[in-house]
Amino acid sequence: MYKIMIVDDEMLVRIGVKALINWEELGFEIVAEAGNGQSAFEKYVAFKPDLVITDIKMPKQDGLWLTQKIKEYNPNTEIIFLTCYDDFSYAKKAIKLQVSDYILKAEMEEEELKKIILEKKKKLDAITGQTAENQNNKLILRKQQEYLLGLLLSSNRSIELVREEFEKVNIEWNTMKYCFIQFDFRSSLKAEKNSDYQTANIIAASLELIITKFQDENVGIFTKQFGKSVTCFAMAANLNEVKIQKYINYMRNTLKQYFNLGFKSANSPITDTIEESRNHIDWIYQASDNMFYVSEGEHLTMDNIMKPSDSPFLYDAALVKEICQYVEEADSDSIHNKIDEIEAVLNRQRSNSLEVKLELSHMINDIFKRFDSCFQEDKDIFIFQKKVMNSEELTEVICAIRGFMDNIINENSNNRVDNSEFLIKRAIQYIDDNYSKKVSLEDIAGYVGISKYYFSVLFKKEQCRTFSSYLNSVRIDKAKQALKNPQATINDIVYEIGFNDPQYFSKTFKKYTGMTVTEYRSKYDKQ
């Protein structure tokens, strides 16, 4: 199946070309389309189509510019001009650029297009046959280099075995300078939200660019792709830090220009022997994990990398309690300040990224359990935990946690509005049942499931008086009833209604009734 790209600034034309014939039936797959020459060339480098059907007049860069760039990149690419312009000057330029065909839009018909496409297929079949052997040899060489790099990175393989395998393919041992280089594309690729197919093509094209650039600079290079990152082993007689930085800057600018792709990178110290370079394997793994903490475009070396802390990040019950209190108080500023503190600690510690994500995911779960009644389904928490675990860098993790906290504040606030009357009724019932015991603000807030701060605010809003004022009024009412019994002593009454100090009881009684305990009892006895 050959790959095809359609380029035209009019979307209806692109749709028409795609729908005019059955491309798969002819052995073609449409892998990309674009609306101008500049965008088309970026996609050409990424997807490497075998055939390009392009308009001539387009914004930014036209079809002539696009054709010239494609032919410079790969002269074997078949190109068909599809245009409104029946002009000899365009035809002349097309011939000069070795364009395969020139079709007028107004005269394009299904049979004509099908005939031209089948002719191109024959030509591509011939080219493919000629280059198959070269491609196969290139693939074998690439696999061989990946194998050698794999041996270098495997610390359980002896250096004698590595040397033996190098010498089998005539690679000289310890005659140059060496270092490992790491490219990490994960964050940038995630931001672009490409399909898996597009991502694979972009990584493949980036890998090709890396190999080509180093080879052009007479640097031997082994490469191996690990997911969305690439590990390299560079070898050259004149290798130095300045040159490595120059190559990396070139690739950073080129990949940004053509694919809008960025990366983070690192290189191990340059050594005089392969054995010395192999001693830096652990450092390369550490640098790869350290990229979780740095921004796109940063380059890590032995001089600027931060070593992980001996004590990894661990949250505790006190932290969860503090955050939950802020949630109860709907104090977004304090929560975000606390998240800033967590981020600062993590940036200082640089602990293993997987362990950090697991720890933060557990923290989210503990906070969620405190407010799970606010959510209809448990799956709500899994969304945020998945975001944390799938994050490629710390800033993404922190963003997910902020989103979770904002969400839980909103849900909790909405839940309070709906249930505030119910909560206060429960609280009043608790007071009526337990007034004779020691009843604190913390006790009753815990009973109804909210913070003491929020309970205090909510109680005053619903009852137009404070919690302590209400509790005292209940106890004084009970005292007034008890004083009607002449057999009951004042001392007994004090402790039966929940007061611990007779003097404080007397003072409170007068405040609520306007008379002393003795005056109240005397007044009642006269009735």
Protein backbone atom coordinates (compact mmCIF):
# COMPACT_ATOMS: atom_id res chain seq x y z
CA MET A 1 0.00 0.00 0.00
CA TYR A 2 1.52 3.32 -1.12
CA LYS A 3 1.04 6.52 0.89
CA ILE A 4 -0.52 9.64 -0.62
CA MET A 5 -0.92 13.26 0.52
CA ILE A 6 -3.43 15.77 -0.91
CA VAL A 7 -2.61 19.48 -0.75
CA ASP A 8 -5.08 22.26 -1.61
CA ASP A 9 -6.15 25.43 0.17
CA GLU A 10 -9.80 24.64 -0.61
CA MET A 11 -11.20 22.01 1.73
CA LEU A 12 -13.97 21.07 -0.75
CA VAL A 13 -11.37 20.24 -3.38
CA ARG A 14 -9.52 17.96 -0.95
CA ILE A 15 -12.78 16.23 -0.06
CA GLY A 16 -13.62 15.86 -3.76
CA VAL A 17 -10.27 14.28 -4.62
CA LYS A 18 -10.54 11.84 -1.73
CA ALA A 19 -14.06 10.83 -2.72
CA LEU A 20 -13.56 10.69 -6.52
CA ILE A 21 -11.98 7.23 -6.64
CA ASN A 22 -11.46 4.23 -4.35
CA TRP A 23 -7.84 4.77 -3.35
CA GLU A 24 -7.42 1.53 -1.41
CA GLU A 25 -8.62 -0.44 -4.41
CA LEU A 26 -5.75 1.08 -6.41
CA GLY A 27 -3.22 0.31 -3.68
CA PHE A 28 -3.00 3.75 -2.05
CA GLU A 29 -3.68 5.07 1.43
CA ILE A 30 -4.32 8.78 2.11
CA VAL A 31 -2.09 9.52 5.10
CA ALA A 32 -2.19 13.33 5.21
CA GLU A 33 -3.67 16.48 3.76
CA ALA A 34 -2.75 20.14 4.04
CA GLY A 35 -3.98 23.59 3.05
CA ASN A 36 -0.67 25.26 2.14
CA GLY A 37 2.84 24.38 0.99
CA GLN A 38 4.56 25.05 4.30
CA SER A 39 2.24 22.80 6.31
CA ALA A 40 2.38 20.20 3.55
CA PHE A 41 6.17 19.93 3.66
CA GLU A 42 6.14 19.48 7.46
CA LYS A 43 3.66 16.63 7.00
CA TYR A 44 5.65 15.25 4.08
CA VAL A 45 8.75 14.89 6.28
CA ALA A 46 6.65 13.28 9.01
CA PHE A 47 4.61 10.85 6.89
CA LYS A 48 6.89 10.39 3.85
CA PRO A 49 4.13 9.86 1.25
CA ASP A 50 5.07 8.19 -2.03
CA LEU A 51 2.72 10.39 -4.08
CA VAL A 52 1.70 14.03 -3.56
CA ILE A 53 -1.23 15.67 -5.36
CA THR A 54 -0.93 19.42 -4.89
CA ASP A 55 -2.46 22.70 -5.99
CA ILE A 56 -0.10 25.42 -7.25
CA LYS A 57 -1.53 28.68 -5.92
CA MET A 58 -1.75 28.49 -2.12
CA PRO A 59 -1.07 30.80 0.86
CA LYS A 60 2.23 30.89 2.80
CA GLN A 61 4.14 28.65 0.33
CA ASP A 62 2.81 27.54 -3.05
CA GLY A 63 2.94 24.19 -4.85
CA LEU A 64 6.10 25.07 -6.77
CA TRP A 65 7.99 25.76 -3.54
CA LEU A 66 6.61 22.54 -2.04
CA THR A 67 7.68 20.49 -5.07
CA GLN A 68 11.20 21.87 -4.97
CA LYS A 69 11.55 21.07 -1.24
CA ILE A 70 10.19 17.54 -1.72
CA LYS A 71 12.49 16.80 -4.64
CA GLU A 72 15.47 18.01 -2.63
CA TYR A 73 14.41 15.68 0.19
CA ASN A 74 13.56 12.66 -1.98
CA PRO A 75 13.77 12.85 -5.80
CA ASN A 76 11.79 9.60 -6.14
CA THR A 77 8.57 11.08 -4.77
CA GLU A 78 5.84 11.26 -7.42
CA ILE A 79 4.08 14.64 -7.67
CA ILE A 80 0.92 15.61 -9.57
CA PHE A 81 -0.15 19.23 -10.02
CA LEU A 82 -3.90 19.77 -9.66
CA THR A 83 -4.72 23.36 -10.57
CA CYS A 84 -7.08 25.85 -12.20
CA TYR A 85 -4.28 27.44 -14.18
CA ASP A 86 -3.98 26.32 -17.82
CA ASP A 87 -0.82 28.31 -18.34
CA PHE A 88 2.30 27.29 -20.20
CA SER A 89 4.55 29.05 -17.66
CA TYR A 90 3.29 26.75 -14.91
CA ALA A 91 3.64 23.70 -17.13
CA LYS A 92 7.20 24.72 -17.93
CA LYS A 93 8.06 25.06 -14.24
CA ALA A 94 6.40 21.72 -13.53
CA ILE A 95 8.54 20.01 -16.18
CA LYS A 96 11.68 21.64 -14.78
CA LEU A 97 10.81 20.33 -11.29
CA GLN A 98 10.16 16.85 -12.70
CA VAL A 99 6.46 16.89 -11.80
CA SER A 100 4.81 13.66 -12.96
CA ASP A 101 1.53 15.11 -14.25
CA TYR A 102 -0.44 18.30 -14.61
CA ILE A 103 -4.26 18.08 -14.25
CA LEU A 104 -6.76 20.91 -14.60
CA LYS A 105 -9.42 20.88 -11.89
CA ALA A 106 -12.15 21.81 -14.35
CA GLU A 107 -11.36 18.81 -16.56
CA MET A 108 -10.67 16.23 -13.84
CA GLU A 109 -12.80 13.09 -14.16
CA GLU A 110 -12.77 9.78 -12.35
CA GLU A 111 -11.42 7.67 -15.21
CA GLU A 112 -8.69 10.16 -16.08
CA LEU A 113 -7.50 10.42 -12.47
CA LYS A 114 -7.62 6.65 -12.06
CA LYS A 115 -5.53 6.17 -15.22
CA ILE A 116 -2.88 8.64 -14.02
CA ILE A 117 -2.73 7.07 -10.55
CA LEU A 118 -2.25 3.57 -12.00
CA GLU A 119 0.65 4.90 -14.13
CA LYS A 120 2.24 6.36 -11.01
CA LYS A 121 1.77 3.03 -9.23
CA LYS A 122 3.71 1.22 -11.96
CA LYS A 123 6.53 3.71 -11.63
CA LEU A 124 6.55 3.39 -7.84
CA ASP A 125 6.57 -0.39 -8.16
CA ALA A 126 9.71 -0.15 -10.31
CA ILE A 127 11.42 2.25 -7.89
CA THR A 128 10.49 0.09 -4.92
CA GLY A 129 12.00 -2.95 -6.58
CA GLN A 130 15.27 -1.11 -7.19
CA THR A 131 15.58 0.19 -3.62
CA ALA A 132 14.27 -2.86 -1.72
CA GLU A 133 17.73 -4.39 -1.37
CA ASN A 134 19.24 -1.13 -0.13
CA GLN A 135 16.39 -0.68 2.35
CA ASN A 136 16.84 -4.23 3.59
CA ASN A 137 20.58 -3.70 4.11
CA LYS A 138 19.88 -0.46 5.92
CA LEU A 139 17.37 -2.20 8.19
CA ILE A 140 19.86 -4.97 9.01
CA LEU A 141 22.50 -2.38 9.90
CA ARG A 142 20.03 -0.48 12.10
CA LYS A 143 19.03 -3.64 13.96
CA GLN A 144 22.70 -4.53 14.43
CA GLN A 145 23.42 -1.11 15.93
CA GLU A 146 20.37 -1.36 18.22
CA TYR A 147 21.67 -4.72 19.41
CA LEU A 148 25.12 -3.28 20.20
CA LEU A 149 23.61 -0.32 22.03
CA GLY A 150 21.41 -2.72 23.98
CA LEU A 151 24.52 -4.62 25.06
CA LEU A 152 26.18 -1.39 26.19
CA LEU A 153 23.13 -0.43 28.28
CA SER A 154 22.82 -3.87 29.89
CA SER A 155 24.98 -3.74 32.99
CA ASN A 156 24.63 -7.51 33.45
CA ARG A 157 26.54 -8.13 30.19
CA SER A 158 30.31 -8.31 30.60
CA ILE A 159 32.52 -5.73 28.93
CA GLU A 160 34.40 -8.63 27.31
CA LEU A 161 31.21 -9.74 25.55
CA VAL A 162 30.48 -6.19 24.42
CA ARG A 163 34.00 -5.83 22.99
CA GLU A 164 33.72 -9.16 21.22
CA GLU A 165 30.45 -8.14 19.54
CA PHE A 166 31.90 -4.76 18.50
CA GLU A 167 34.91 -6.39 16.90
CA LYS A 168 32.73 -8.90 15.04
CA VAL A 169 31.36 -6.03 12.96
CA ASN A 170 34.75 -4.30 12.61
CA ILE A 171 34.08 -1.44 15.05
CA GLU A 172 37.34 -0.27 16.57
CA TRP A 173 37.65 -0.43 20.35
CA ASN A 174 38.79 2.59 22.38
CA THR A 175 40.24 4.59 19.49
CA MET A 176 37.83 7.56 19.77
CA LYS A 177 35.88 9.62 22.29
CA TYR A 178 32.49 8.41 23.49
CA CYS A 179 29.32 9.48 25.24
CA PHE A 180 25.63 8.64 25.64
CA ILE A 181 22.97 11.13 24.51
CA GLN A 182 19.30 11.02 25.48
CA PHE A 183 16.36 12.67 23.65
CA ASP A 184 12.96 12.76 25.36
CA PHE A 185 9.95 13.72 23.20
CA ARG A 186 7.17 12.62 25.58
CA SER A 187 5.89 16.00 26.81
CA SER A 188 5.93 17.64 23.41
CA LEU A 189 4.20 14.73 21.66
CA LYS A 190 1.53 14.62 24.35
CA ALA A 191 0.83 18.33 23.95
CA GLU A 192 0.35 17.95 20.18
CA LYS A 193 -2.27 15.17 20.64
CA ASN A 194 -1.36 13.29 17.47
CA SER A 195 -2.77 9.88 16.63
CA ASP A 196 -0.61 6.83 17.40
CA TYR A 197 0.14 6.53 13.69
CA GLN A 198 1.22 10.16 13.39
CA THR A 199 3.31 9.90 16.54
CA ALA A 200 5.13 6.83 15.24
CA ASN A 201 5.92 8.61 11.97
CA ILE A 202 7.15 11.76 13.73
CA ILE A 203 9.46 9.76 16.01
CA ALA A 204 10.76 7.76 13.03
CA ALA A 205 11.45 10.97 11.11
CA SER A 206 13.14 12.53 14.16
CA LEU A 207 15.31 9.44 14.57
CA GLU A 208 16.31 9.66 10.92
CA LEU A 209 17.24 13.32 11.36
CA ILE A 210 19.39 12.52 14.42
CA ILE A 211 21.26 9.77 12.57
CA THR A 212 21.73 11.86 9.43
CA LYS A 213 23.01 14.92 11.32
CA PHE A 214 25.61 12.96 13.28
CA GLN A 215 26.74 11.04 10.21
CA ASP A 216 27.09 14.31 8.26
CA GLU A 217 29.39 15.52 11.05
CA ASN A 218 31.45 12.29 10.85
CA VAL A 219 30.17 11.08 14.20
CA GLY A 220 29.42 7.39 14.54
CA ILE A 221 26.03 6.91 16.18
CA PHE A 222 24.06 3.97 17.57
CA THR A 223 20.40 4.71 18.34
CA LYS A 224 17.61 2.85 20.06
CA GLN A 225 14.04 4.00 20.54
CA PHE A 226 12.40 3.47 23.93
CA GLY A 227 8.75 4.49 23.62
CA LYS A 228 8.78 8.25 22.99
CA SER A 229 12.46 8.75 23.78
CA VAL A 230 15.69 7.90 21.97
CA THR A 231 19.01 6.82 23.48
CA CYS A 232 22.19 7.29 21.43
CA PHE A 233 25.82 6.29 21.75
CA ALA A 234 28.10 8.72 19.91
CA MET A 235 31.67 8.00 18.77
CA ALA A 236 34.15 10.39 17.13
CA ALA A 237 37.81 11.31 17.36
CA ASN A 238 37.05 15.00 17.89
CA LEU A 239 33.90 14.72 20.02
CA ASN A 240 33.51 17.46 22.64
CA GLU A 241 30.80 19.22 24.66
CA VAL A 242 30.65 22.25 22.36
CA LYS A 243 29.99 20.09 19.30
CA ILE A 244 27.37 18.00 21.08
CA GLN A 245 25.55 21.15 22.13
CA LYS A 246 25.77 22.45 18.57
CA TYR A 247 24.25 19.26 17.15
CA ILE A 248 21.47 19.27 19.73
CA ASN A 249 20.62 22.92 19.04
CA TYR A 250 20.46 22.16 15.30
CA MET A 251 18.07 19.27 15.89
CA ARG A 252 15.98 21.32 18.31
CA ASN A 253 15.52 24.10 15.72
CA THR A 254 14.90 21.71 12.83
CA LEU A 255 12.36 19.53 14.62
CA LYS A 256 10.55 22.61 15.87
CA GLN A 257 10.42 24.05 12.37
CA TYR A 258 9.14 20.96 10.58
CA PHE A 259 7.12 19.08 13.20
CA ASN A 260 6.52 21.69 15.91
CA LEU A 261 8.26 19.14 18.09
CA GLY A 262 10.36 19.93 21.14
CA PHE A 263 12.40 17.70 23.41
CA LYS A 264 14.43 17.47 26.59
CA SER A 265 17.94 16.08 26.33
CA ALA A 266 20.98 14.94 28.26
CA ASN A 267 24.49 13.69 27.58
CA SER A 268 26.88 11.75 29.77
CA PRO A 269 30.48 12.92 30.23
CA ILE A 270 32.73 12.40 27.20
CA THR A 271 35.22 9.62 27.82
CA ASP A 272 38.32 8.16 26.16
CA THR A 273 37.16 4.55 26.49
CA ILE A 274 33.94 2.61 26.08
CA GLU A 275 34.48 1.10 29.54
CA GLU A 276 34.44 4.60 31.09
CA SER A 277 31.26 5.53 29.21
CA ARG A 278 29.62 2.35 30.38
CA ASN A 279 30.24 3.45 33.96
CA HIS A 280 27.80 6.32 33.31
CA ILE A 281 24.82 4.12 32.41
CA ASP A 282 23.19 4.67 35.82
CA TRP A 283 23.64 8.40 35.33
CA ILE A 284 21.82 8.22 31.97
CA TYR A 285 18.90 6.44 33.63
CA GLN A 286 18.89 9.05 36.38
CA ALA A 287 18.98 11.86 33.82
CA SER A 288 16.10 10.25 31.93
CA ASP A 289 14.00 10.20 35.10
CA ASN A 290 15.16 13.73 35.99
CA MET A 291 13.52 14.99 32.80
CA PHE A 292 10.23 14.59 34.67
CA TYR A 293 11.21 17.74 36.59
CA VAL A 294 12.63 19.96 33.83
CA SER A 295 11.00 22.01 31.10
CA GLU A 296 11.02 21.35 27.37
CA GLY A 297 14.23 22.61 25.77
CA GLU A 298 16.45 21.97 28.80
CA HIS A 299 19.65 19.95 28.41
CA LEU A 300 21.10 18.00 31.34
CA THR A 301 24.77 17.25 31.94
CA MET A 302 26.75 15.99 34.90
CA ASP A 303 27.30 19.63 35.90
CA ASN A 304 23.68 20.77 36.12
CA ILE A 305 21.70 17.66 37.05
CA MET A 306 20.24 17.53 40.56
CA LYS A 307 20.79 14.34 42.53
CA PRO A 308 17.67 12.74 44.06
CA SER A 309 17.14 13.15 47.79
CA ASP A 310 17.89 10.22 50.09
CA SER A 311 14.47 10.74 51.72
CA PRO A 312 11.68 10.41 49.11
CA PHE A 313 8.50 12.46 49.20
CA LEU A 314 5.89 11.01 51.56
CA TYR A 315 2.63 12.71 52.48
CA ASP A 316 1.18 12.20 55.97
CA ALA A 317 -2.15 12.35 57.77
CA ALA A 318 -1.42 15.88 58.99
CA LEU A 319 -1.08 17.14 55.41
CA VAL A 320 -4.33 15.45 54.35
CA LYS A 321 -6.12 16.88 57.41
CA GLU A 322 -4.85 20.39 56.64
CA ILE A 323 -5.94 20.21 52.99
CA CYS A 324 -9.35 18.78 53.98
CA GLN A 325 -9.86 21.68 56.38
CA TYR A 326 -9.14 24.14 53.55
CA VAL A 327 -11.69 22.28 51.41
CA GLU A 328 -14.28 22.57 54.16
CA GLU A 329 -13.58 26.28 54.38
CA ALA A 330 -13.63 26.59 50.56
CA ASP A 331 -10.25 28.30 50.93
CA SER A 332 -8.86 27.90 47.40
CA ASP A 333 -5.95 30.26 48.00
CA SER A 334 -4.62 28.24 50.94
CA ILE A 335 -5.02 24.98 49.00
CA HIS A 336 -3.11 26.31 46.00
CA ASN A 337 -0.42 27.71 48.29
CA LYS A 338 -0.10 24.25 49.85
CA ILE A 339 0.17 22.69 46.36
CA ASP A 340 2.89 25.23 45.53
CA GLU A 341 4.76 24.06 48.66
CA ILE A 342 4.42 20.41 47.59
CA GLU A 343 5.72 21.26 44.11
CA ALA A 344 8.71 23.10 45.59
CA VAL A 345 9.55 20.14 47.84
CA LEU A 346 9.32 17.71 44.91
CA ASN A 347 11.55 19.91 42.76
CA ARG A 348 14.15 19.97 45.53
CA GLN A 349 14.03 16.25 46.23
CA ARG A 350 13.90 14.98 42.61
CA SER A 351 12.71 11.56 43.81
CA ASN A 352 11.93 8.73 41.38
CA SER A 353 9.10 10.01 39.19
CA LEU A 354 7.01 6.82 39.37
CA GLU A 355 7.21 6.74 43.17
CA VAL A 356 6.18 10.42 43.31
CA LYS A 357 3.17 9.83 41.07
CA LEU A 358 2.08 6.83 43.11
CA GLU A 359 2.41 8.77 46.37
CA LEU A 360 0.40 11.72 45.04
CA SER A 361 -2.21 9.36 43.65
CA HIS A 362 -2.62 7.81 47.12
CA MET A 363 -2.89 11.30 48.63
CA ILE A 364 -5.71 12.14 46.22
CA ASN A 365 -7.47 8.95 47.24
CA ASP A 366 -7.24 9.80 50.96
CA ILE A 367 -8.64 13.29 50.37
CA PHE A 368 -11.40 11.89 48.17
CA LYS A 369 -12.48 9.40 50.86
CA ARG A 370 -13.11 12.34 53.20
CA PHE A 371 -15.57 13.84 50.71
CA ASP A 372 -16.79 10.82 48.75
CA SER A 373 -20.41 11.57 49.66
CA CYS A 374 -20.16 14.64 47.43
CA PHE A 375 -19.63 12.49 44.33
CA GLN A 376 -22.14 10.24 42.63
CA GLU A 377 -19.62 7.64 41.48
CA ASP A 378 -16.15 6.51 42.53
CA LYS A 379 -15.01 6.73 38.92
CA ASP A 380 -14.71 10.51 39.39
CA ILE A 381 -11.52 10.00 41.39
CA PHE A 382 -10.05 7.57 38.87
CA ILE A 383 -10.06 10.33 36.24
CA PHE A 384 -7.71 12.45 38.34
CA GLN A 385 -5.56 9.52 39.46
CA LYS A 386 -5.17 8.46 35.83
CA LYS A 387 -4.09 12.00 34.90
CA VAL A 388 -1.45 11.91 37.62
CA MET A 389 -0.11 8.47 36.66
CA ASN A 390 -0.05 9.33 32.91
CA SER A 391 1.73 12.66 33.42
CA GLU A 392 5.06 13.08 31.65
CA GLU A 393 6.36 15.89 33.86
CA LEU A 394 5.85 17.38 37.31
CA THR A 395 4.02 20.49 36.07
CA GLU A 396 1.42 18.21 34.49
CA VAL A 397 0.99 16.31 37.77
CA ILE A 398 0.56 19.55 39.72
CA CYS A 399 -2.00 20.76 37.17
CA ALA A 400 -3.98 17.53 37.66
CA ILE A 401 -3.91 17.95 41.45
CA ARG A 402 -5.06 21.56 41.18
CA GLY A 403 -7.93 20.41 38.95
CA PHE A 404 -8.86 17.73 41.48
CA MET A 405 -8.84 20.19 44.39
CA ASP A 406 -10.92 22.78 42.49
CA ASN A 407 -13.38 20.04 41.59
CA ILE A 408 -13.70 18.75 45.15
CA ILE A 409 -14.15 22.28 46.55
CA ASN A 410 -16.98 22.91 44.08
CA GLU A 411 -18.66 19.56 44.76
CA ASN A 412 -18.33 20.00 48.52
CA SER A 413 -19.69 23.56 48.38
CA ASN A 414 -22.66 22.44 46.29
CA ASN A 415 -23.27 19.58 48.67
CA ARG A 416 -23.27 21.96 51.63
CA VAL A 417 -25.85 24.25 50.03
CA ASP A 418 -28.13 21.28 49.47
CA ASN A 419 -27.60 19.73 52.93
CA SER A 420 -26.94 22.63 55.31
CA GLU A 421 -30.42 22.50 56.87
CA PHE A 422 -30.15 18.73 57.32
CA LEU A 423 -26.70 19.03 58.93
CA ILE A 424 -27.86 21.62 61.47
CA LYS A 425 -30.93 19.50 62.35
CA ARG A 426 -28.58 16.59 63.06
CA ALA A 427 -26.40 18.86 65.16
CA ILE A 428 -29.37 20.14 67.21
CA GLN A 429 -30.57 16.59 67.76
CA TYR A 430 -27.07 15.65 68.94
CA ILE A 431 -27.06 18.57 71.39
CA ASP A 432 -30.51 17.68 72.72
CA ASP A 433 -29.37 14.08 73.29
CA ASN A 434 -25.98 14.88 74.80
CA TYR A 435 -26.30 18.26 76.57
CA SER A 436 -25.56 16.60 79.93
CA LYS A 437 -22.17 15.42 78.68
CA LYS A 438 -19.09 17.30 77.62
CA VAL A 439 -19.97 18.59 74.12
CA SER A 440 -17.24 20.43 72.20
CA LEU A 441 -17.30 22.18 68.83
CA GLU A 442 -14.87 19.55 67.51
CA ASP A 443 -17.14 16.70 68.67
CA ILE A 444 -20.27 17.94 67.01
CA ALA A 445 -18.49 19.04 63.81
CA GLY A 446 -16.99 15.57 63.55
CA TYR A 447 -20.41 14.01 64.15
CA VAL A 448 -22.00 15.82 61.19
CA GLY A 449 -18.88 15.37 59.04
CA ILE A 450 -17.59 18.91 58.48
CA SER A 451 -14.78 21.05 59.88
CA LYS A 452 -15.32 22.94 63.12
CA TYR A 453 -14.72 26.22 61.28
CA TYR A 454 -17.37 25.56 58.69
CA PHE A 455 -19.79 24.13 61.28
CA SER A 456 -19.44 27.27 63.35
CA VAL A 457 -20.20 29.50 60.34
CA LEU A 458 -23.06 27.31 59.13
CA PHE A 459 -24.68 27.00 62.59
CA LYS A 460 -24.70 30.75 63.12
CA LYS A 461 -26.14 31.29 59.64
CA GLU A 462 -28.97 28.79 60.17
CA GLN A 463 -29.75 29.53 63.87
CA CYS A 464 -28.80 33.22 64.06
CA ARG A 465 -26.65 32.48 67.12
CA THR A 466 -23.45 30.68 67.96
CA PHE A 467 -23.14 27.02 68.80
CA SER A 468 -22.03 27.75 72.40
CA SER A 469 -24.95 30.14 72.86
CA TYR A 470 -27.41 27.49 71.70
CA LEU A 471 -25.84 24.79 73.90
CA ASN A 472 -25.99 27.05 76.96
CA SER A 473 -29.62 27.95 76.25
CA VAL A 474 -30.54 24.24 76.11
CA ARG A 475 -28.77 23.59 79.39
CA ILE A 476 -30.37 26.61 81.11
CA ASP A 477 -33.82 25.45 79.93
CA LYS A 478 -33.11 22.06 81.48
CA ALA A 479 -31.88 23.78 84.68
CA LYS A 480 -35.12 25.79 84.92
CA GLN A 481 -37.14 22.60 84.75
CA ALA A 482 -34.94 20.90 87.34
CA LEU A 483 -35.23 23.88 89.75
CA LYS A 484 -38.98 23.27 89.96
CA ASN A 485 -38.15 20.16 91.98
CA PRO A 486 -37.53 21.37 95.57
CA GLN A 487 -35.73 18.13 96.39
CA ALA A 488 -32.99 18.77 93.78
CA THR A 489 -29.93 20.62 95.04
CA ILE A 490 -28.33 23.30 92.91
CA ASN A 491 -25.05 21.41 92.99
CA ASP A 492 -26.70 18.27 91.61
CA ILE A 493 -28.47 20.24 88.88
CA VAL A 494 -25.20 21.85 87.75
CA TYR A 495 -23.57 18.53 86.93
CA GLU A 496 -26.74 16.88 85.58
CA ILE A 497 -27.12 19.50 82.84
CA GLY A 498 -23.46 19.42 81.70
CA PHE A 499 -21.82 22.27 83.66
CA ASN A 500 -18.63 21.47 85.55
CA ASP A 501 -18.40 24.65 87.62
CA PRO A 502 -21.28 25.86 89.87
CA GLN A 503 -19.97 29.42 89.81
CA TYR A 504 -19.90 29.49 86.00
CA PHE A 505 -23.38 27.95 85.96
CA SER A 506 -24.73 30.69 88.24
CA LYS A 507 -23.19 33.38 86.08
CA THR A 508 -24.59 31.85 82.88
CA PHE A 509 -28.03 31.30 84.44
CA LYS A 510 -28.31 34.98 85.33
CA LYS A 511 -27.15 36.01 81.86
CA TYR A 512 -29.90 33.97 80.19
CA THR A 513 -32.77 34.51 82.69
CA GLY A 514 -32.02 37.92 84.18
CA MET A 515 -32.11 36.56 87.74
CA THR A 516 -30.02 34.45 90.07
CA VAL A 517 -30.70 30.75 90.63
CA THR A 518 -32.06 31.50 94.14
CA GLU A 519 -34.30 34.30 92.82
CA TYR A 520 -35.67 32.01 90.10
CA ARG A 521 -36.44 29.17 92.55
CA SER A 522 -38.07 31.57 95.05
CA LYS A 523 -40.26 33.04 92.29
CA TYR A 524 -41.32 29.58 91.22
CA ASP A 525 -42.09 28.49 94.82
CA LYS A 526 -44.44 31.47 95.27
CA GLN A 527 -46.48 30.49 92.21
